[in-house]
Protein backbone atom coordinates (compact mmCIF):
# COMPACT_ATOMS: atom_id res chain seq x y z
CA MET A 1 -0.03 0.14 0.07
CA ARG A 2 1.28 3.46 -0.99
CA LEU A 3 -0.12 6.42 0.80
CA GLY A 4 -0.23 9.62 -1.17
CA PRO A 5 -3.25 12.08 -1.91
CA GLY A 6 -4.80 11.23 1.35
CA LEU A 7 -1.80 12.43 3.30
CA LEU A 8 -2.11 15.77 1.51
CA VAL A 9 -5.55 16.19 3.15
CA THR A 10 -3.98 15.23 6.62
CA ALA A 11 -1.25 17.86 5.96
CA ALA A 12 -4.00 20.44 5.20
CA PHE A 13 -6.27 20.02 8.11
CA ILE A 14 -3.56 19.50 10.78
CA GLY A 15 -2.44 23.10 11.02
CA PRO A 16 -1.94 25.80 13.74
CA GLY A 17 -5.85 26.17 14.02
CA THR A 18 -6.38 22.53 14.70
CA ILE A 19 -3.52 22.59 17.32
CA THR A 20 -5.20 25.38 18.91
CA THR A 21 -8.62 24.02 18.92
CA ALA A 22 -7.51 20.63 20.26
CA SER A 23 -5.37 22.25 22.91
CA VAL A 24 -8.21 24.33 24.09
CA ALA A 25 -10.58 21.28 24.04
CA GLY A 26 -8.23 19.32 26.23
CA ALA A 27 -7.38 22.11 28.62
CA ASN A 28 -11.00 23.15 29.34
CA PHE A 29 -12.83 19.89 29.07
CA GLY A 30 -10.38 17.17 29.62
CA PHE A 31 -11.04 13.99 27.49
CA ALA A 32 -14.74 14.67 27.39
CA LEU A 33 -14.81 15.71 23.70
CA ILE A 34 -12.87 12.92 22.19
CA TRP A 35 -16.15 11.42 20.79
CA THR A 36 -16.56 14.62 18.74
CA LEU A 37 -13.13 14.14 17.22
CA LEU A 38 -14.07 10.40 16.39
CA PHE A 39 -17.25 11.58 14.66
CA SER A 40 -15.45 14.32 12.70
CA VAL A 41 -12.89 11.91 11.45
CA LEU A 42 -15.47 9.40 10.30
CA ALA A 43 -17.34 12.11 8.51
CA THR A 44 -14.27 13.53 6.95
CA ILE A 45 -13.29 10.07 5.55
CA LEU A 46 -16.87 9.53 4.07
CA LEU A 47 -16.80 13.03 2.31
CA GLN A 48 -13.08 12.89 1.21
CA SER A 49 -13.49 9.32 -0.30
CA MET A 50 -16.52 10.68 -2.36
CA ALA A 51 -14.45 13.70 -3.51
CA ALA A 52 -11.59 11.45 -4.41
CA ARG A 53 -13.83 8.98 -6.15
CA LEU A 54 -15.31 11.87 -8.36
CA GLY A 55 -11.78 12.72 -9.46
CA VAL A 56 -10.78 9.22 -10.41
CA ALA A 57 -14.21 8.25 -12.11
CA THR A 58 -14.65 11.57 -14.05
CA GLY A 59 -11.16 13.31 -14.40
CA GLN A 60 -12.89 16.40 -13.05
CA ASP A 61 -12.15 17.97 -9.77
CA LEU A 62 -15.01 19.27 -7.71
CA ALA A 63 -14.80 22.88 -8.98
CA GLN A 64 -14.83 21.57 -12.55
CA ALA A 65 -17.69 19.33 -11.79
CA LEU A 66 -19.70 22.11 -10.16
CA ARG A 67 -19.00 24.43 -13.21
CA ALA A 68 -19.94 21.66 -15.70
CA HIS A 69 -23.24 20.54 -13.99
CA ILE A 70 -24.62 23.81 -12.89
CA GLU A 71 -26.80 24.86 -15.94
CA THR A 72 -28.69 27.76 -14.63
CA PRO A 73 -26.43 30.91 -15.44
CA LEU A 74 -27.42 32.73 -12.27
CA PHE A 75 -26.60 29.73 -10.01
CA LYS A 76 -23.41 29.17 -11.95
CA THR A 77 -22.38 32.83 -11.41
CA LEU A 78 -23.28 32.59 -7.66
CA ALA A 79 -21.33 29.26 -7.30
CA ILE A 80 -18.31 30.85 -8.99
CA PHE A 81 -18.51 33.88 -6.60
CA LEU A 82 -18.90 31.63 -3.48
CA VAL A 83 -16.14 29.20 -4.25
CA ILE A 84 -13.63 31.86 -5.13
CA SER A 85 -14.61 33.92 -1.96
CA ALA A 86 -14.68 31.04 0.44
CA ILE A 87 -11.81 28.86 -1.00
CA GLY A 88 -9.53 31.36 -2.77
CA VAL A 89 -9.86 34.35 -0.49
CA GLY A 90 -10.37 32.15 2.52
CA SER A 91 -7.11 30.13 1.77
CA ALA A 92 -5.17 33.39 1.53
CA ALA A 93 -6.63 34.62 4.81
CA TYR A 94 -5.78 31.47 6.55
CA GLU A 95 -2.45 31.09 5.04
CA ALA A 96 -1.12 34.00 7.34
CA GLY A 97 -2.02 31.84 10.29
CA ASN A 98 -0.24 28.89 8.76
CA LEU A 99 2.96 30.93 8.05
CA SER A 100 2.77 32.47 11.48
CA GLY A 101 2.23 29.16 13.23
CA ALA A 102 5.42 27.53 11.33
CA SER A 103 7.46 30.62 12.41
CA MET A 104 6.43 30.24 15.99
CA GLY A 105 7.70 26.71 16.13
CA LEU A 106 11.14 27.91 14.78
CA ILE A 107 11.25 30.78 17.15
CA GLU A 108 10.84 28.40 20.04
CA ILE A 109 13.58 26.11 18.65
CA PHE A 110 15.98 28.84 17.63
CA PRO A 111 15.35 31.73 20.07
CA GLN A 112 18.71 33.40 19.27
CA VAL A 113 17.79 33.86 15.56
CA ASN A 114 16.15 37.21 14.61
CA ALA A 115 12.26 36.10 14.59
CA GLN A 116 11.56 38.35 11.63
CA LEU A 117 13.48 36.03 9.33
CA TRP A 118 11.41 33.00 9.69
CA THR A 119 8.26 33.99 7.98
CA PRO A 120 9.85 35.32 4.72
CA LEU A 121 12.01 32.10 4.75
CA ILE A 122 9.11 29.67 5.15
CA ALA A 123 7.20 31.61 2.52
CA PHE A 124 10.00 31.34 0.11
CA LEU A 125 10.54 27.62 0.70
CA SER A 126 6.73 27.05 0.18
CA ALA A 127 6.76 29.18 -2.94
CA ALA A 128 9.76 27.20 -4.44
CA LEU A 129 8.00 23.94 -3.91
CA LEU A 130 4.69 25.23 -5.44
CA TYR A 131 6.42 26.97 -8.39
CA SER A 132 8.37 23.87 -9.18
CA GLY A 133 4.99 22.48 -10.54
CA LYS A 134 6.26 19.05 -9.78
CA HIS A 135 3.57 17.16 -8.06
CA LYS A 136 5.76 14.35 -6.81
CA VAL A 137 8.17 16.70 -5.17
CA VAL A 138 5.43 18.50 -3.37
CA GLU A 139 3.73 15.40 -2.42
CA ASN A 140 6.94 13.66 -1.11
CA ALA A 141 7.90 16.95 0.92
CA LEU A 142 4.34 16.84 2.57
CA ILE A 143 4.51 13.17 3.25
CA LEU A 144 7.93 13.71 5.14
CA LEU A 145 6.46 16.56 7.20
CA VAL A 146 3.29 14.49 7.99
CA ILE A 147 5.61 11.70 9.19
CA LEU A 148 7.60 14.12 11.24
CA MET A 149 4.37 15.69 12.77
CA SER A 150 3.06 12.20 13.67
CA LEU A 151 6.23 11.16 15.41
CA VAL A 152 6.37 14.41 17.25
CA PHE A 153 2.82 14.63 18.72
CA ILE A 154 2.57 10.84 19.32
CA SER A 155 6.03 11.00 21.29
CA THR A 156 4.60 13.97 23.27
CA LEU A 157 1.60 11.99 24.11
CA VAL A 158 3.71 9.11 25.30
CA MET A 159 5.68 11.30 27.51
CA ALA A 160 2.44 12.84 28.93
CA ALA A 161 1.16 9.28 29.64
CA PRO A 162 -2.62 9.87 30.03
CA SER A 163 -4.75 7.35 31.81
CA LEU A 164 -6.06 4.82 29.20
CA SER A 165 -9.44 4.56 31.07
CA ASP A 166 -9.84 8.39 30.91
CA VAL A 167 -9.15 8.45 27.21
CA LEU A 168 -11.56 5.55 26.55
CA ALA A 169 -14.23 7.44 28.57
CA GLY A 170 -13.90 10.29 26.22
CA PHE A 171 -15.48 8.24 23.40
CA ILE A 172 -18.84 8.10 25.26
CA PRO A 173 -20.69 11.14 24.02
CA SER A 174 -21.24 13.92 26.55
CA MET A 175 -21.76 17.68 26.35
CA PRO A 176 -19.99 19.56 29.30
CA GLU A 177 -21.50 22.79 30.20
CA GLY A 178 -20.19 25.50 27.85
CA SER A 179 -18.58 23.08 25.40
CA ILE A 180 -20.93 23.74 22.37
CA THR A 181 -18.58 26.27 20.66
CA THR A 182 -15.48 23.86 21.19
CA VAL A 183 -17.50 20.93 19.88
CA LEU A 184 -18.46 23.00 16.78
CA ALA A 185 -14.79 24.08 16.35
CA LEU A 186 -13.32 20.64 16.66
CA VAL A 187 -15.87 19.55 13.77
CA GLY A 188 -15.19 22.70 11.72
CA THR A 189 -11.41 22.22 11.82
CA THR A 190 -11.61 18.62 10.73
CA ILE A 191 -14.33 18.82 8.06
CA VAL A 192 -12.57 21.56 5.82
CA PRO A 193 -14.41 22.51 2.62
CA TYR A 194 -11.20 23.35 0.70
CA ASN A 195 -9.97 19.80 1.22
CA LEU A 196 -12.85 18.54 -0.97
CA PHE A 197 -11.40 20.64 -3.91
CA LEU A 198 -7.82 19.71 -2.94
CA HIS A 199 -8.31 15.93 -2.87
CA SER A 200 -10.56 15.70 -6.04
CA GLY A 201 -8.05 18.03 -7.80
CA VAL A 202 -4.97 15.91 -7.10
CA LEU A 203 -6.77 12.76 -8.33
CA ALA A 204 -8.29 14.45 -11.38
CA ALA A 205 -4.97 15.65 -12.38
CA ARG A 206 -3.65 12.10 -12.36
CA HIS A 207 -6.70 10.77 -14.29
CA ASP A 208 -5.89 8.07 -16.88
CA SER A 209 -8.82 6.80 -18.97
CA LYS A 210 -7.01 3.47 -19.45
CA SER A 211 -6.43 2.65 -15.94
CA ASP A 212 -8.55 0.18 -13.84
CA LYS A 213 -10.74 2.69 -12.05
CA GLN A 214 -12.16 0.15 -9.71
CA LYS A 215 -8.67 -0.80 -8.51
CA VAL A 216 -7.61 2.80 -8.29
CA ILE A 217 -10.75 3.75 -6.16
CA LYS A 218 -10.15 0.76 -3.76
CA GLN A 219 -6.52 2.12 -3.34
CA THR A 220 -7.66 5.50 -2.94
CA ASN A 221 -10.28 4.54 -0.27
CA VAL A 222 -7.51 2.81 1.71
CA ASP A 223 -5.26 5.79 1.29
CA THR A 224 -7.96 8.09 2.50
CA GLY A 225 -9.06 6.13 5.41
CA VAL A 226 -5.48 5.56 6.75
CA SER A 227 -4.42 9.06 6.09
CA ILE A 228 -7.35 10.83 7.78
CA ALA A 229 -7.27 8.24 10.68
CA LEU A 230 -3.62 9.30 11.15
CA GLY A 231 -4.75 12.93 11.27
CA GLY A 232 -7.30 11.91 13.96
CA VAL A 233 -4.55 10.31 15.98
CA ILE A 234 -2.38 13.43 15.71
CA THR A 235 -5.42 15.58 16.95
CA LEU A 236 -6.07 13.17 19.70
CA ALA A 237 -2.51 13.15 20.89
CA ILE A 238 -2.62 17.02 21.07
CA LEU A 239 -6.01 17.03 23.01
CA SER A 240 -4.79 14.26 25.31
CA THR A 241 -1.50 16.07 26.10
CA ALA A 242 -3.32 19.42 26.80
CA SER A 243 -5.81 17.47 28.99
CA VAL A 244 -3.01 15.97 31.09
CA ALA A 245 -0.98 19.19 31.33
CA PHE A 246 -3.86 21.86 31.85
CA TYR A 247 -7.20 20.37 32.52
CA GLY A 248 -8.22 21.28 36.11
CA THR A 249 -5.41 23.79 36.54
CA ASP A 250 -5.33 27.68 36.13
CA ALA A 251 -3.46 27.52 32.88
CA GLY A 252 -4.65 30.70 31.41
CA GLN A 253 -5.17 31.22 27.67
CA ILE A 254 -4.05 28.06 25.73
CA SER A 255 -3.02 28.45 22.09
CA ALA A 256 -0.78 26.90 19.55
CA ALA A 257 1.70 29.70 20.23
CA ASN A 258 2.18 29.18 23.94
CA MET A 259 1.47 25.50 24.45
CA ALA A 260 5.14 24.52 23.74
CA VAL A 261 6.40 26.87 26.46
CA GLN A 262 3.67 25.77 28.91
CA LEU A 263 4.36 22.09 28.60
CA GLU A 264 7.93 22.55 29.71
CA PRO A 265 7.35 22.41 33.52
CA LEU A 266 5.37 19.13 33.22
CA LEU A 267 7.26 17.27 30.48
CA GLY A 268 10.70 18.88 30.61
CA ASP A 269 12.76 20.50 27.86
CA ALA A 270 12.40 17.55 25.42
CA ALA A 271 8.63 17.92 25.12
CA HIS A 272 8.88 21.76 24.70
CA TYR A 273 11.24 21.21 21.61
CA PHE A 274 9.09 18.28 20.37
CA PHE A 275 5.93 20.46 20.40
CA ALA A 276 7.68 23.30 18.78
CA ILE A 277 8.89 21.09 15.96
CA GLY A 278 5.34 19.69 15.57
CA LEU A 279 3.96 23.28 15.37
CA PHE A 280 6.56 24.11 12.62
CA ALA A 281 5.69 20.89 10.60
CA ALA A 282 1.98 21.58 11.06
CA GLY A 283 2.16 25.18 9.89
CA LEU A 284 4.51 24.41 6.93
CA THR A 285 2.24 21.56 5.66
CA SER A 286 -0.83 23.83 5.77
CA ALA A 287 1.12 26.66 4.28
CA ILE A 288 1.80 24.49 1.21
CA THR A 289 -1.58 22.92 0.86
CA ALA A 290 -3.82 26.00 1.26
CA PRO A 291 -2.45 27.73 -1.80
CA LEU A 292 -2.90 24.33 -3.66
CA ALA A 293 -6.51 24.00 -2.54
CA GLY A 294 -7.19 27.63 -3.49
CA ALA A 295 -5.64 27.14 -6.89
CA TYR A 296 -7.66 23.95 -7.70
CA ALA A 297 -10.94 25.74 -6.61
CA VAL A 298 -10.21 28.99 -8.41
CA CYS A 299 -8.91 27.54 -11.64
CA GLY A 300 -11.72 24.90 -11.77
CA MET A 301 -14.40 27.44 -11.35
CA LEU A 302 -12.89 29.79 -13.98
CA GLY A 303 -12.57 26.98 -16.43
CA TRP A 304 -8.65 27.10 -16.25
CA PRO A 305 -6.30 23.97 -16.34
CA ASN A 306 -5.88 22.20 -13.07
CA LYS A 307 -2.23 21.00 -13.69
CA MET A 308 0.25 22.06 -11.07
CA ASP A 309 2.76 22.84 -13.97
CA ASN A 310 0.33 25.28 -15.63
CA THR A 311 1.29 28.91 -15.42
CA ARG A 312 -2.18 30.11 -14.39
CA PHE A 313 -2.37 27.52 -11.70
CA LYS A 314 0.99 28.30 -10.27
CA SER A 315 0.21 32.11 -10.30
CA VAL A 316 -2.99 31.69 -8.29
CA ALA A 317 -1.29 29.47 -5.80
CA ILE A 318 1.64 32.02 -5.46
CA VAL A 319 -0.81 34.92 -5.13
CA ILE A 320 -2.57 33.27 -2.30
CA LEU A 321 0.83 32.43 -0.63
CA LEU A 322 2.13 36.13 -1.07
CA PHE A 323 -1.03 37.54 0.61
CA GLY A 324 -0.58 35.24 3.63
CA ALA A 325 3.13 36.08 3.80
CA ALA A 326 2.35 39.84 3.64
CA VAL A 327 -0.26 39.64 6.40
CA ALA A 328 2.11 37.44 8.65
CA SER A 329 5.31 39.38 7.96
CA LEU A 330 3.77 43.04 8.29
CA GLY A 331 1.77 42.29 11.31
CA LEU A 332 -1.57 43.22 9.50
CA ASP A 333 -4.86 42.20 11.00
CA PRO A 334 -6.49 39.63 8.73
CA VAL A 335 -9.45 39.44 11.05
CA ALA A 336 -11.89 41.25 8.61
CA VAL A 337 -10.84 38.99 5.71
CA ILE A 338 -11.04 35.79 7.98
CA ILE A 339 -14.61 36.76 9.05
CA PHE A 340 -15.59 37.25 5.38
CA ALA A 341 -14.00 33.98 4.43
CA GLN A 342 -15.75 32.15 7.51
CA ALA A 343 -19.14 33.60 6.30
CA ALA A 344 -18.49 32.50 2.69
CA ASN A 345 -17.41 28.99 4.07
CA GLY A 346 -20.52 28.83 6.19
CA LEU A 347 -22.65 29.30 3.08
CA LEU A 348 -20.54 27.15 0.83
CA LEU A 349 -19.83 23.97 3.07
CA PRO A 350 -23.57 22.66 3.10
CA ILE A 351 -24.04 23.68 -0.60
CA VAL A 352 -20.91 21.96 -1.71
CA THR A 353 -21.35 18.90 0.31
CA ALA A 354 -24.92 18.39 -0.63
CA TYR A 355 -23.97 18.93 -4.24
CA LEU A 356 -21.06 16.61 -3.93
CA VAL A 357 -23.46 13.84 -2.66
CA TRP A 358 -25.88 14.57 -5.52
CA LEU A 359 -23.01 14.21 -8.01
CA VAL A 360 -21.62 10.90 -6.91
CA ASN A 361 -25.18 9.59 -7.13
CA GLN A 362 -25.45 10.52 -10.64
CA SER A 363 -24.94 7.61 -13.03
CA SER A 364 -24.69 10.08 -15.84
CA VAL A 365 -21.72 11.69 -14.05
CA MET A 366 -20.04 8.70 -12.24
CA GLY A 367 -21.13 5.80 -14.45
CA LYS A 368 -21.03 2.53 -12.33
CA TYR A 369 -19.02 4.24 -9.51
CA THR A 370 -22.04 6.04 -7.80
CA ASN A 371 -22.72 5.86 -3.96
CA SER A 372 -23.97 2.69 -2.40
CA VAL A 373 -27.26 2.76 -0.27
CA LEU A 374 -25.12 2.09 2.80
CA ILE A 375 -22.88 5.13 2.11
CA ASN A 376 -25.88 7.30 1.50
CA LEU A 377 -27.44 6.25 4.87
CA LEU A 378 -24.12 6.94 6.55
CA ILE A 379 -23.78 10.30 5.16
CA LEU A 380 -27.28 11.56 6.06
CA PRO A 381 -26.36 12.48 9.71
CA VAL A 382 -23.10 14.07 8.43
CA LEU A 383 -25.23 16.41 6.16
CA VAL A 384 -27.59 17.28 9.04
CA LEU A 385 -24.60 18.17 11.26
CA ILE A 386 -22.85 20.20 8.48
CA PHE A 387 -26.11 22.21 7.83
CA GLY A 388 -26.44 22.80 11.64
CA LEU A 389 -22.82 23.78 11.98
CA SER A 390 -22.91 26.30 9.09
CA GLY A 391 -26.21 27.75 10.32
CA TYR A 392 -24.54 28.22 13.77
CA LYS A 393 -21.49 29.81 12.20
CA LEU A 394 -23.53 32.25 10.21
CA PHE A 395 -25.73 33.11 13.16
CA SER A 396 -22.81 33.91 15.45
CA LEU A 397 -21.05 35.92 12.85
CA ILE A 398 -24.21 37.91 12.13
CA PHE A 399 -25.33 38.34 15.74
């Protein structure tokens, strides 16, 4: 078995935002919200496997499929606006946090080096990988970083040594007082709409009409399941470590930026450096995948080629990266852009997921590779959750 495109999704959703959310969940609620993580991972596997199957079966990524199969001009225009706003602009806004997170990790590891150097350096490294246009180079770099991230956070968990019975108790659904926002944040940081565009785009770009599609889909399903489950284990390790270190204590404000420092009294210098390396790897992987996802979405909706070596594709990815680098380096406040992107994502996520489910049930689109009855039954509660999550996000942003 060879892991590949699925690990790009893991690289994309395990970023500084996920580290912060999982840390806050563990620090404030102990192990009680592990069940939320399990549900989110299973839901993500279902959705990403459908997006991947769409790419394999049709040779189109999700953006291209949306453009091709929305026939009403008004709805098509609206879809183009929403996707570019939520995924293109959103990726650029979140890119600032990814680059800042990677920089924070390096600042903790090399405090003697001028902190202002790291963000431009990381941005340059990411840009060089993206501009190479070589899919295998980018994928192999991300796979190495995901392996590093896995080793780091799982090792930190082993050093924290949580009680197995406490961890297992967290798989029993419960809703501690005041946890609803954190529950929704855990779901929202795992089920990420731009990953649907990224995953389908990578596989569509590899499309070979002569290949055994059934075999490729089986391999892709294994890759997706294993890779996203690994992402879930990484998130579980972060949540559990924060729970051991901070739950029931007066730890103050926990974030990806300060957790490495705050772990030192409990776990010693080694854990401090381990967590900082993990934060760097998480920030760098997301800093590479966010522009990729944005490029697949924007190019697909505008009818441009979705190949990584295409000039337009690379240009969109680099613009997204440069925007994030400017915000991170100049200390600009991206809050207004992020709020706009969150609102657009709140609208887009239920529409895109519902449309994805509709697409993969159409034999005229998928041929014999449509959803089974079982998959459709399993996806129903996920759709209900996504519509509820998006409604809550939009309500909280407006009111």
